[in-house]
Amino acid sequence: MATDMLSEEGYGELTMRKVANAAGISLSNLQFHFKTREDLLGAVITQLTSAYLEQFEAIERDTRLDPVERLEAVLRNSVAEVKKPRVQSVFFNIWALAQTQDFAREIVDRIYKAQRAVFARFIAQINPGLTAHECMLRAALISCQVEGLMILIPQRTTFVRDLRGIEAELMRAVMSLAKAPSNVAPSRQVS
């Protein structure tokens, strides 16, 4: 409910009273669970992103898939999510808040740190010759590529005609990055 309100009306319109009314509970009952609007937003974002991380981890445990297939599956899931207008709205709101609000900045940091850790594990499985730091840097670049697709399709579910094929190109670019040899001299590599 609060996620829908955030998506449809934005953070500026997300009030504790509106959420309580929409949920059919008293304001004091809502405030018992969430002391502030920031606490409520934190719970909304945590719930949303926890579902993604659980999907990623389920794919990671799927032994029927090889490491490349697992990363491809996570990427397909991620792209499918960023194409949802509701997801776009929520993330654009939290990104905007993170520019000025510490609580939002902490949420964004936590979300992307967890996402990068998952991507880094996939990369390490695909390319064990990379250092942990290289895996994390490449994971950050992959995260930026996936999340960056949102700016190309604001409140739409498909890309404009001149960007047809961008999803396949994303997959090729990510796989190239994941498989590329280490940039660290062999004597400097640390596992």
N, C-alpha and C. Protein backbone atom coordinates (compact mmCIF):
# COMPACT_ATOMS: atom_id res chain seq x y z
N MET A 1 0.82 -1.19 0.00
CA MET A 1 0.00 0.00 0.00
C MET A 1 0.87 1.26 0.00
N ALA A 2 1.82 1.35 0.94
CA ALA A 2 2.71 2.51 0.97
C ALA A 2 3.58 2.54 -0.28
N THR A 3 3.95 1.37 -0.78
CA THR A 3 4.74 1.31 -2.02
C THR A 3 3.94 1.88 -3.18
N ASP A 4 2.68 1.52 -3.26
CA ASP A 4 1.82 2.06 -4.33
C ASP A 4 1.69 3.57 -4.21
N MET A 5 1.52 4.05 -2.99
CA MET A 5 1.39 5.50 -2.79
C MET A 5 2.68 6.22 -3.17
N LEU A 6 3.82 5.65 -2.78
CA LEU A 6 5.10 6.25 -3.14
C LEU A 6 5.26 6.29 -4.66
N SER A 7 4.90 5.20 -5.31
CA SER A 7 5.02 5.10 -6.76
C SER A 7 4.09 6.08 -7.47
N GLU A 8 2.87 6.18 -7.01
CA GLU A 8 1.86 6.99 -7.71
C GLU A 8 1.91 8.47 -7.36
N GLU A 9 2.26 8.78 -6.09
CA GLU A 9 2.17 10.18 -5.64
C GLU A 9 3.52 10.80 -5.31
N GLY A 10 4.54 9.99 -5.12
CA GLY A 10 5.85 10.51 -4.76
C GLY A 10 6.01 10.67 -3.27
N TYR A 11 7.26 10.82 -2.86
CA TYR A 11 7.56 10.90 -1.44
C TYR A 11 6.93 12.13 -0.78
N GLY A 12 6.88 13.24 -1.49
CA GLY A 12 6.32 14.46 -0.93
C GLY A 12 4.88 14.31 -0.49
N GLU A 13 4.14 13.44 -1.14
CA GLU A 13 2.73 13.21 -0.82
C GLU A 13 2.51 12.01 0.10
N LEU A 14 3.57 11.30 0.42
CA LEU A 14 3.45 10.12 1.28
C LEU A 14 3.43 10.57 2.74
N THR A 15 2.24 10.61 3.32
CA THR A 15 2.13 10.99 4.73
C THR A 15 1.69 9.79 5.54
N MET A 16 2.03 9.83 6.82
CA MET A 16 1.64 8.74 7.71
C MET A 16 0.11 8.63 7.76
N ARG A 17 -0.56 9.76 7.80
CA ARG A 17 -2.02 9.75 7.87
C ARG A 17 -2.64 9.10 6.63
N LYS A 18 -2.14 9.45 5.44
CA LYS A 18 -2.65 8.84 4.21
C LYS A 18 -2.44 7.33 4.20
N VAL A 19 -1.27 6.89 4.64
CA VAL A 19 -0.99 5.45 4.67
C VAL A 19 -1.91 4.75 5.66
N ALA A 20 -2.07 5.35 6.84
CA ALA A 20 -2.96 4.75 7.85
C ALA A 20 -4.39 4.66 7.32
N ASN A 21 -4.87 5.74 6.71
CA ASN A 21 -6.23 5.72 6.16
C ASN A 21 -6.38 4.66 5.08
N ALA A 22 -5.40 4.58 4.19
CA ALA A 22 -5.47 3.60 3.10
C ALA A 22 -5.41 2.17 3.64
N ALA A 23 -4.70 1.98 4.74
CA ALA A 23 -4.59 0.65 5.34
C ALA A 23 -5.77 0.33 6.25
N GLY A 24 -6.59 1.33 6.53
CA GLY A 24 -7.75 1.12 7.40
C GLY A 24 -7.37 0.96 8.86
N ILE A 25 -6.29 1.62 9.27
CA ILE A 25 -5.87 1.56 10.68
C ILE A 25 -5.71 2.98 11.20
N SER A 26 -5.62 3.10 12.50
CA SER A 26 -5.45 4.43 13.09
C SER A 26 -4.01 4.90 12.88
N LEU A 27 -3.84 6.21 12.88
CA LEU A 27 -2.51 6.79 12.75
C LEU A 27 -1.61 6.31 13.88
N SER A 28 -2.15 6.25 15.09
CA SER A 28 -1.33 5.82 16.24
C SER A 28 -0.88 4.37 16.09
N ASN A 29 -1.72 3.54 15.49
CA ASN A 29 -1.34 2.15 15.27
C ASN A 29 -0.17 2.08 14.28
N LEU A 30 -0.26 2.86 13.20
CA LEU A 30 0.83 2.89 12.23
C LEU A 30 2.11 3.43 12.88
N GLN A 31 1.96 4.48 13.70
CA GLN A 31 3.12 5.09 14.35
C GLN A 31 3.73 4.17 15.40
N PHE A 32 2.98 3.22 15.89
CA PHE A 32 3.53 2.24 16.82
C PHE A 32 4.59 1.41 16.10
N HIS A 33 4.32 1.09 14.83
CA HIS A 33 5.24 0.27 14.05
C HIS A 33 6.31 1.09 13.34
N PHE A 34 5.95 2.29 12.94
CA PHE A 34 6.87 3.17 12.22
C PHE A 34 6.81 4.55 12.87
N LYS A 35 7.83 4.89 13.59
CA LYS A 35 7.82 6.16 14.35
C LYS A 35 7.79 7.38 13.43
N THR A 36 8.46 7.27 12.30
CA THR A 36 8.55 8.41 11.38
C THR A 36 8.24 7.97 9.95
N ARG A 37 8.01 8.95 9.12
CA ARG A 37 7.79 8.68 7.70
C ARG A 37 9.05 8.05 7.09
N GLU A 38 10.21 8.46 7.57
CA GLU A 38 11.47 7.89 7.09
C GLU A 38 11.56 6.41 7.44
N ASP A 39 11.10 6.04 8.65
CA ASP A 39 11.09 4.63 9.04
C ASP A 39 10.17 3.83 8.11
N LEU A 40 9.03 4.40 7.79
CA LEU A 40 8.08 3.73 6.90
C LEU A 40 8.69 3.55 5.51
N LEU A 41 9.30 4.61 4.98
CA LEU A 41 9.92 4.51 3.66
C LEU A 41 11.05 3.48 3.68
N GLY A 42 11.83 3.48 4.73
CA GLY A 42 12.90 2.49 4.84
C GLY A 42 12.37 1.08 4.78
N ALA A 43 11.25 0.83 5.45
CA ALA A 43 10.64 -0.50 5.44
C ALA A 43 10.11 -0.85 4.05
N VAL A 44 9.52 0.13 3.38
CA VAL A 44 8.99 -0.10 2.02
C VAL A 44 10.13 -0.49 1.08
N ILE A 45 11.20 0.27 1.10
CA ILE A 45 12.32 0.01 0.21
C ILE A 45 13.01 -1.30 0.57
N THR A 46 13.16 -1.56 1.85
CA THR A 46 13.78 -2.82 2.29
C THR A 46 12.96 -4.01 1.84
N GLN A 47 11.65 -3.92 1.97
CA GLN A 47 10.78 -5.03 1.54
C GLN A 47 10.92 -5.26 0.04
N LEU A 48 10.89 -4.19 -0.72
CA LEU A 48 10.99 -4.29 -2.17
C LEU A 48 12.32 -4.90 -2.59
N THR A 49 13.41 -4.39 -2.04
CA THR A 49 14.72 -4.86 -2.47
C THR A 49 15.05 -6.24 -1.90
N SER A 50 14.50 -6.57 -0.76
CA SER A 50 14.72 -7.91 -0.20
C SER A 50 14.17 -8.97 -1.14
N ALA A 51 13.04 -8.68 -1.75
CA ALA A 51 12.45 -9.63 -2.70
C ALA A 51 13.40 -9.85 -3.88
N TYR A 52 14.04 -8.79 -4.37
CA TYR A 52 14.99 -8.94 -5.47
C TYR A 52 16.18 -9.78 -5.05
N LEU A 53 16.72 -9.46 -3.88
CA LEU A 53 17.89 -10.20 -3.41
C LEU A 53 17.58 -11.67 -3.19
N GLU A 54 16.38 -11.95 -2.71
CA GLU A 54 15.97 -13.36 -2.54
C GLU A 54 15.91 -14.07 -3.89
N GLN A 55 15.40 -13.38 -4.91
CA GLN A 55 15.37 -13.97 -6.26
C GLN A 55 16.79 -14.24 -6.75
N PHE A 56 17.68 -13.27 -6.55
CA PHE A 56 19.07 -13.43 -6.99
C PHE A 56 19.72 -14.62 -6.30
N GLU A 57 19.48 -14.73 -4.99
CA GLU A 57 20.10 -15.81 -4.23
C GLU A 57 19.52 -17.17 -4.61
N ALA A 58 18.24 -17.21 -4.96
CA ALA A 58 17.64 -18.47 -5.43
C ALA A 58 18.28 -18.89 -6.75
N ILE A 59 18.51 -17.94 -7.62
CA ILE A 59 19.18 -18.24 -8.89
C ILE A 59 20.61 -18.70 -8.62
N GLU A 60 21.27 -18.06 -7.69
CA GLU A 60 22.65 -18.41 -7.36
C GLU A 60 22.74 -19.86 -6.86
N ARG A 61 21.72 -20.33 -6.17
CA ARG A 61 21.72 -21.70 -5.63
C ARG A 61 21.26 -22.74 -6.65
N ASP A 62 20.78 -22.30 -7.79
CA ASP A 62 20.24 -23.21 -8.80
C ASP A 62 21.39 -23.93 -9.51
N THR A 63 21.67 -25.14 -9.09
CA THR A 63 22.81 -25.89 -9.63
C THR A 63 22.55 -26.43 -11.04
N ARG A 64 21.33 -26.32 -11.52
CA ARG A 64 21.05 -26.73 -12.90
C ARG A 64 21.66 -25.76 -13.90
N LEU A 65 21.95 -24.56 -13.44
CA LEU A 65 22.51 -23.53 -14.31
C LEU A 65 24.01 -23.39 -14.07
N ASP A 66 24.75 -23.15 -15.14
CA ASP A 66 26.18 -22.86 -14.94
C ASP A 66 26.32 -21.38 -14.56
N PRO A 67 27.51 -20.94 -14.15
CA PRO A 67 27.66 -19.55 -13.70
C PRO A 67 27.22 -18.50 -14.71
N VAL A 68 27.51 -18.72 -15.98
CA VAL A 68 27.10 -17.75 -17.01
C VAL A 68 25.58 -17.69 -17.08
N GLU A 69 24.93 -18.84 -17.08
CA GLU A 69 23.47 -18.88 -17.14
C GLU A 69 22.85 -18.23 -15.91
N ARG A 70 23.49 -18.38 -14.75
CA ARG A 70 22.96 -17.74 -13.53
C ARG A 70 23.04 -16.22 -13.65
N LEU A 71 24.18 -15.70 -14.11
CA LEU A 71 24.29 -14.25 -14.28
C LEU A 71 23.29 -13.76 -15.32
N GLU A 72 23.14 -14.48 -16.40
CA GLU A 72 22.15 -14.10 -17.42
C GLU A 72 20.74 -14.07 -16.84
N ALA A 73 20.41 -15.05 -16.02
CA ALA A 73 19.07 -15.10 -15.40
C ALA A 73 18.85 -13.90 -14.48
N VAL A 74 19.86 -13.55 -13.69
CA VAL A 74 19.74 -12.39 -12.80
C VAL A 74 19.59 -11.12 -13.62
N LEU A 75 20.34 -11.01 -14.70
CA LEU A 75 20.23 -9.83 -15.55
C LEU A 75 18.85 -9.73 -16.19
N ARG A 76 18.34 -10.85 -16.69
CA ARG A 76 16.99 -10.83 -17.29
C ARG A 76 15.95 -10.39 -16.25
N ASN A 77 16.06 -10.94 -15.04
CA ASN A 77 15.12 -10.54 -13.97
C ASN A 77 15.26 -9.06 -13.66
N SER A 78 16.50 -8.58 -13.57
CA SER A 78 16.74 -7.17 -13.24
C SER A 78 16.18 -6.25 -14.31
N VAL A 79 16.42 -6.58 -15.57
CA VAL A 79 15.91 -5.75 -16.67
C VAL A 79 14.38 -5.77 -16.67
N ALA A 80 13.79 -6.93 -16.44
CA ALA A 80 12.32 -7.00 -16.38
C ALA A 80 11.78 -6.08 -15.29
N GLU A 81 12.46 -6.02 -14.16
CA GLU A 81 12.01 -5.16 -13.06
C GLU A 81 12.15 -3.69 -13.40
N VAL A 82 13.29 -3.28 -13.97
CA VAL A 82 13.48 -1.85 -14.24
C VAL A 82 12.55 -1.36 -15.35
N LYS A 83 11.93 -2.26 -16.08
CA LYS A 83 10.97 -1.87 -17.11
C LYS A 83 9.57 -1.63 -16.54
N LYS A 84 9.38 -1.88 -15.25
CA LYS A 84 8.07 -1.68 -14.64
C LYS A 84 7.94 -0.23 -14.16
N PRO A 85 6.94 0.49 -14.64
CA PRO A 85 6.76 1.88 -14.22
C PRO A 85 6.71 2.06 -12.70
N ARG A 86 6.10 1.13 -12.01
CA ARG A 86 6.01 1.23 -10.54
C ARG A 86 7.41 1.20 -9.92
N VAL A 87 8.25 0.31 -10.40
CA VAL A 87 9.62 0.20 -9.90
C VAL A 87 10.40 1.47 -10.24
N GLN A 88 10.21 1.97 -11.46
CA GLN A 88 10.88 3.21 -11.87
C GLN A 88 10.53 4.35 -10.92
N SER A 89 9.25 4.50 -10.63
CA SER A 89 8.81 5.59 -9.75
C SER A 89 9.42 5.48 -8.36
N VAL A 90 9.39 4.29 -7.81
CA VAL A 90 9.93 4.10 -6.46
C VAL A 90 11.41 4.45 -6.44
N PHE A 91 12.17 3.93 -7.41
CA PHE A 91 13.61 4.18 -7.40
C PHE A 91 13.95 5.63 -7.72
N PHE A 92 13.24 6.26 -8.64
CA PHE A 92 13.51 7.67 -8.90
C PHE A 92 13.25 8.51 -7.65
N ASN A 93 12.21 8.17 -6.90
CA ASN A 93 11.93 8.89 -5.66
C ASN A 93 13.04 8.70 -4.64
N ILE A 94 13.49 7.47 -4.46
CA ILE A 94 14.52 7.22 -3.45
C ILE A 94 15.86 7.82 -3.89
N TRP A 95 16.16 7.78 -5.18
CA TRP A 95 17.40 8.40 -5.66
C TRP A 95 17.37 9.91 -5.42
N ALA A 96 16.23 10.53 -5.69
CA ALA A 96 16.11 11.97 -5.46
C ALA A 96 16.28 12.30 -3.98
N LEU A 97 15.64 11.52 -3.14
CA LEU A 97 15.77 11.76 -1.70
C LEU A 97 17.20 11.58 -1.22
N ALA A 98 17.91 10.63 -1.81
CA ALA A 98 19.28 10.34 -1.39
C ALA A 98 20.22 11.53 -1.65
N GLN A 99 19.79 12.45 -2.49
CA GLN A 99 20.62 13.63 -2.76
C GLN A 99 20.63 14.59 -1.58
N THR A 100 19.59 14.55 -0.75
CA THR A 100 19.49 15.53 0.33
C THR A 100 19.22 14.92 1.71
N GLN A 101 18.84 13.66 1.76
CA GLN A 101 18.42 13.07 3.04
C GLN A 101 19.34 11.91 3.42
N ASP A 102 19.92 11.99 4.61
CA ASP A 102 20.84 10.94 5.06
C ASP A 102 20.17 9.57 5.13
N PHE A 103 18.94 9.50 5.62
CA PHE A 103 18.28 8.20 5.75
C PHE A 103 18.14 7.53 4.39
N ALA A 104 17.81 8.32 3.37
CA ALA A 104 17.65 7.76 2.02
C ALA A 104 19.00 7.36 1.44
N ARG A 105 20.01 8.16 1.70
CA ARG A 105 21.36 7.84 1.23
C ARG A 105 21.82 6.51 1.83
N GLU A 106 21.53 6.30 3.10
CA GLU A 106 21.90 5.04 3.76
C GLU A 106 21.15 3.85 3.14
N ILE A 107 19.89 4.05 2.81
CA ILE A 107 19.10 2.98 2.17
C ILE A 107 19.70 2.65 0.81
N VAL A 108 19.98 3.67 0.01
CA VAL A 108 20.55 3.46 -1.32
C VAL A 108 21.90 2.75 -1.21
N ASP A 109 22.73 3.20 -0.28
CA ASP A 109 24.03 2.54 -0.09
C ASP A 109 23.86 1.07 0.26
N ARG A 110 22.94 0.77 1.14
CA ARG A 110 22.70 -0.61 1.58
C ARG A 110 22.18 -1.47 0.42
N ILE A 111 21.24 -0.93 -0.34
CA ILE A 111 20.66 -1.66 -1.47
C ILE A 111 21.75 -2.04 -2.48
N TYR A 112 22.51 -1.04 -2.89
CA TYR A 112 23.47 -1.29 -3.96
C TYR A 112 24.70 -2.06 -3.48
N LYS A 113 25.03 -1.94 -2.23
CA LYS A 113 26.11 -2.77 -1.69
C LYS A 113 25.72 -4.24 -1.76
N ALA A 114 24.49 -4.55 -1.38
CA ALA A 114 24.01 -5.93 -1.44
C ALA A 114 23.93 -6.42 -2.88
N GLN A 115 23.43 -5.57 -3.77
CA GLN A 115 23.34 -5.96 -5.18
C GLN A 115 24.72 -6.20 -5.77
N ARG A 116 25.66 -5.32 -5.48
CA ARG A 116 27.03 -5.49 -5.99
C ARG A 116 27.66 -6.77 -5.47
N ALA A 117 27.39 -7.11 -4.22
CA ALA A 117 27.95 -8.34 -3.65
C ALA A 117 27.45 -9.56 -4.41
N VAL A 118 26.17 -9.57 -4.74
CA VAL A 118 25.60 -10.69 -5.50
C VAL A 118 26.23 -10.75 -6.89
N PHE A 119 26.26 -9.62 -7.59
CA PHE A 119 26.86 -9.61 -8.93
C PHE A 119 28.33 -10.02 -8.86
N ALA A 120 29.05 -9.56 -7.84
CA ALA A 120 30.48 -9.90 -7.71
C ALA A 120 30.67 -11.41 -7.52
N ARG A 121 29.78 -12.04 -6.78
CA ARG A 121 29.89 -13.50 -6.61
C ARG A 121 29.69 -14.21 -7.95
N PHE A 122 28.73 -13.76 -8.74
CA PHE A 122 28.52 -14.36 -10.06
C PHE A 122 29.76 -14.17 -10.94
N ILE A 123 30.31 -12.97 -10.93
CA ILE A 123 31.50 -12.68 -11.73
C ILE A 123 32.67 -13.56 -11.30
N ALA A 124 32.85 -13.71 -10.00
CA ALA A 124 33.95 -14.55 -9.48
C ALA A 124 33.80 -16.00 -9.93
N GLN A 125 32.57 -16.47 -10.00
CA GLN A 125 32.34 -17.85 -10.47
C GLN A 125 32.66 -17.98 -11.96
N ILE A 126 32.35 -16.96 -12.72
CA ILE A 126 32.60 -16.98 -14.17
C ILE A 126 34.08 -16.79 -14.46
N ASN A 127 34.73 -15.94 -13.69
CA ASN A 127 36.11 -15.55 -13.97
C ASN A 127 36.94 -15.59 -12.69
N PRO A 128 37.31 -16.79 -12.24
CA PRO A 128 38.03 -16.93 -10.96
C PRO A 128 39.41 -16.29 -10.94
N GLY A 129 39.93 -15.86 -12.09
CA GLY A 129 41.23 -15.21 -12.12
C GLY A 129 41.20 -13.75 -11.67
N LEU A 130 40.01 -13.22 -11.43
CA LEU A 130 39.89 -11.82 -11.00
C LEU A 130 40.09 -11.71 -9.49
N THR A 131 40.58 -10.57 -9.06
CA THR A 131 40.66 -10.31 -7.63
C THR A 131 39.26 -9.97 -7.12
N ALA A 132 39.08 -10.04 -5.82
CA ALA A 132 37.79 -9.68 -5.23
C ALA A 132 37.45 -8.22 -5.56
N HIS A 133 38.46 -7.37 -5.54
CA HIS A 133 38.24 -5.95 -5.83
C HIS A 133 37.80 -5.76 -7.29
N GLU A 134 38.43 -6.48 -8.21
CA GLU A 134 38.02 -6.38 -9.62
C GLU A 134 36.58 -6.86 -9.79
N CYS A 135 36.23 -7.93 -9.11
CA CYS A 135 34.85 -8.43 -9.19
C CYS A 135 33.87 -7.37 -8.70
N MET A 136 34.22 -6.70 -7.60
CA MET A 136 33.33 -5.68 -7.04
C MET A 136 33.22 -4.47 -7.98
N LEU A 137 34.33 -4.07 -8.57
CA LEU A 137 34.28 -2.94 -9.51
C LEU A 137 33.43 -3.28 -10.73
N ARG A 138 33.61 -4.48 -11.25
CA ARG A 138 32.82 -4.89 -12.41
C ARG A 138 31.35 -5.03 -12.04
N ALA A 139 31.09 -5.50 -10.83
CA ALA A 139 29.70 -5.59 -10.36
C ALA A 139 29.06 -4.21 -10.30
N ALA A 140 29.83 -3.21 -9.86
CA ALA A 140 29.31 -1.84 -9.80
C ALA A 140 28.98 -1.33 -11.20
N LEU A 141 29.85 -1.61 -12.16
CA LEU A 141 29.58 -1.19 -13.54
C LEU A 141 28.34 -1.88 -14.11
N ILE A 142 28.18 -3.15 -13.81
CA ILE A 142 27.01 -3.89 -14.28
C ILE A 142 25.74 -3.31 -13.65
N SER A 143 25.80 -3.03 -12.36
CA SER A 143 24.65 -2.43 -11.68
C SER A 143 24.26 -1.11 -12.34
N CYS A 144 25.26 -0.28 -12.64
CA CYS A 144 24.99 1.00 -13.29
C CYS A 144 24.36 0.81 -14.67
N GLN A 145 24.83 -0.18 -15.40
CA GLN A 145 24.26 -0.43 -16.73
C GLN A 145 22.80 -0.84 -16.64
N VAL A 146 22.50 -1.73 -15.71
CA VAL A 146 21.12 -2.21 -15.57
C VAL A 146 20.21 -1.08 -15.08
N GLU A 147 20.61 -0.44 -13.99
CA GLU A 147 19.78 0.63 -13.42
C GLU A 147 19.65 1.80 -14.39
N GLY A 148 20.70 2.06 -15.15
CA GLY A 148 20.69 3.16 -16.10
C GLY A 148 19.65 3.01 -17.20
N LEU A 149 19.21 1.78 -17.44
CA LEU A 149 18.16 1.58 -18.45
C LEU A 149 16.89 2.33 -18.07
N MET A 150 16.68 2.54 -16.77
CA MET A 150 15.45 3.22 -16.33
C MET A 150 15.32 4.62 -16.91
N ILE A 151 16.44 5.30 -17.09
CA ILE A 151 16.34 6.68 -17.60
C ILE A 151 15.93 6.71 -19.07
N LEU A 152 16.07 5.57 -19.74
CA LEU A 152 15.72 5.51 -21.16
C LEU A 152 14.26 5.16 -21.41
N ILE A 153 13.56 4.72 -20.37
CA ILE A 153 12.15 4.32 -20.54
C ILE A 153 11.27 4.85 -19.42
N PRO A 154 11.36 6.15 -19.11
CA PRO A 154 10.56 6.64 -17.99
C PRO A 154 9.07 6.39 -18.18
N GLN A 155 8.52 5.67 -17.23
CA GLN A 155 7.10 5.34 -17.19
C GLN A 155 6.62 4.61 -18.44
N ARG A 156 7.52 3.85 -19.03
CA ARG A 156 7.16 2.98 -20.15
C ARG A 156 7.73 1.59 -19.87
N THR A 157 7.25 0.62 -20.60
CA THR A 157 7.73 -0.75 -20.42
C THR A 157 8.56 -1.23 -21.60
N THR A 158 8.66 -0.40 -22.63
CA THR A 158 9.46 -0.78 -23.79
C THR A 158 10.38 0.38 -24.17
N PHE A 159 11.44 0.04 -24.85
CA PHE A 159 12.39 1.05 -25.31
C PHE A 159 11.92 1.65 -26.63
N VAL A 160 12.31 2.88 -26.87
CA VAL A 160 11.94 3.54 -28.12
C VAL A 160 12.60 2.82 -29.28
N ARG A 161 12.07 3.04 -30.46
CA ARG A 161 12.49 2.30 -31.66
C ARG A 161 14.01 2.31 -31.86
N ASP A 162 14.67 3.45 -31.70
CA ASP A 162 16.11 3.49 -31.98
C ASP A 162 16.94 2.75 -30.93
N LEU A 163 16.31 2.28 -29.86
CA LEU A 163 17.02 1.50 -28.84
C LEU A 163 16.61 0.03 -28.84
N ARG A 164 15.88 -0.39 -29.85
CA ARG A 164 15.54 -1.82 -29.93
C ARG A 164 16.82 -2.63 -29.97
N GLY A 165 16.85 -3.69 -29.19
CA GLY A 165 18.04 -4.53 -29.12
C GLY A 165 18.97 -4.17 -27.99
N ILE A 166 18.62 -3.12 -27.23
CA ILE A 166 19.52 -2.69 -26.16
C ILE A 166 19.66 -3.75 -25.06
N GLU A 167 18.61 -4.52 -24.85
CA GLU A 167 18.70 -5.56 -23.82
C GLU A 167 19.71 -6.64 -24.22
N ALA A 168 19.68 -7.04 -25.47
CA ALA A 168 20.66 -8.03 -25.95
C ALA A 168 22.07 -7.45 -25.90
N GLU A 169 22.20 -6.18 -26.22
CA GLU A 169 23.51 -5.52 -26.17
C GLU A 169 24.01 -5.42 -24.73
N LEU A 170 23.10 -5.16 -23.81
CA LEU A 170 23.46 -5.15 -22.39
C LEU A 170 24.02 -6.51 -21.98
N MET A 171 23.34 -7.58 -22.38
CA MET A 171 23.80 -8.93 -22.03
C MET A 171 25.20 -9.17 -22.59
N ARG A 172 25.42 -8.79 -23.84
CA ARG A 172 26.75 -8.99 -24.44
C ARG A 172 27.82 -8.18 -23.71
N ALA A 173 27.51 -6.93 -23.40
CA ALA A 173 28.48 -6.07 -22.72
C ALA A 173 28.80 -6.60 -21.32
N VAL A 174 27.78 -7.02 -20.60
CA VAL A 174 27.99 -7.54 -19.25
C VAL A 174 28.81 -8.82 -19.30
N MET A 175 28.48 -9.71 -20.22
CA MET A 175 29.24 -10.96 -20.31
C MET A 175 30.68 -10.70 -20.71
N SER A 176 30.90 -9.75 -21.59
CA SER A 176 32.28 -9.39 -21.96
C SER A 176 33.03 -8.87 -20.75
N LEU A 177 32.38 -8.03 -19.99
CA LEU A 177 33.02 -7.48 -18.79
C LEU A 177 33.30 -8.58 -17.76
N ALA A 178 32.34 -9.46 -17.56
CA ALA A 178 32.52 -10.54 -16.58
C ALA A 178 33.64 -11.49 -16.97
N LYS A 179 33.80 -11.72 -18.27
CA LYS A 179 34.78 -12.70 -18.75
C LYS A 179 36.15 -12.09 -19.06
N ALA A 180 36.24 -10.77 -19.10
CA ALA A 180 37.50 -10.12 -19.48
C ALA A 180 38.61 -10.48 -18.49
N PRO A 181 39.83 -10.62 -18.99
CA PRO A 181 40.93 -10.99 -18.09
C PRO A 181 41.21 -9.89 -17.07
N SER A 182 41.90 -10.30 -16.05
CA SER A 182 42.28 -9.38 -14.97
C SER A 182 43.17 -8.26 -15.51
N ASN A 183 43.02 -7.09 -14.92
CA ASN A 183 43.88 -5.96 -15.25
C ASN A 183 45.03 -5.83 -14.27
N VAL A 184 45.06 -6.72 -13.28
CA VAL A 184 46.09 -6.68 -12.25
C VAL A 184 47.24 -7.58 -12.69
N ALA A 185 48.44 -7.09 -12.57
CA ALA A 185 49.61 -7.91 -12.91
C ALA A 185 49.61 -9.15 -12.04
N PRO A 186 49.98 -10.32 -12.60
CA PRO A 186 49.92 -11.57 -11.83
C PRO A 186 50.62 -11.50 -10.47
N SER A 187 51.71 -10.77 -10.36
CA SER A 187 52.41 -10.70 -9.07
C SER A 187 51.65 -9.89 -8.04
N ARG A 188 50.66 -9.08 -8.48
CA ARG A 188 49.90 -8.24 -7.56
C ARG A 188 48.55 -8.82 -7.21
N GLN A 189 48.15 -9.92 -7.84
CA GLN A 189 46.83 -10.49 -7.58
C GLN A 189 46.77 -11.07 -6.18
N VAL A 190 45.64 -10.79 -5.52
CA VAL A 190 45.39 -11.32 -4.19
C VAL A 190 44.03 -11.98 -4.23
N SER A 191 43.95 -13.18 -3.77
CA SER A 191 42.66 -13.88 -3.80
C SER A 191 41.88 -13.62 -2.55
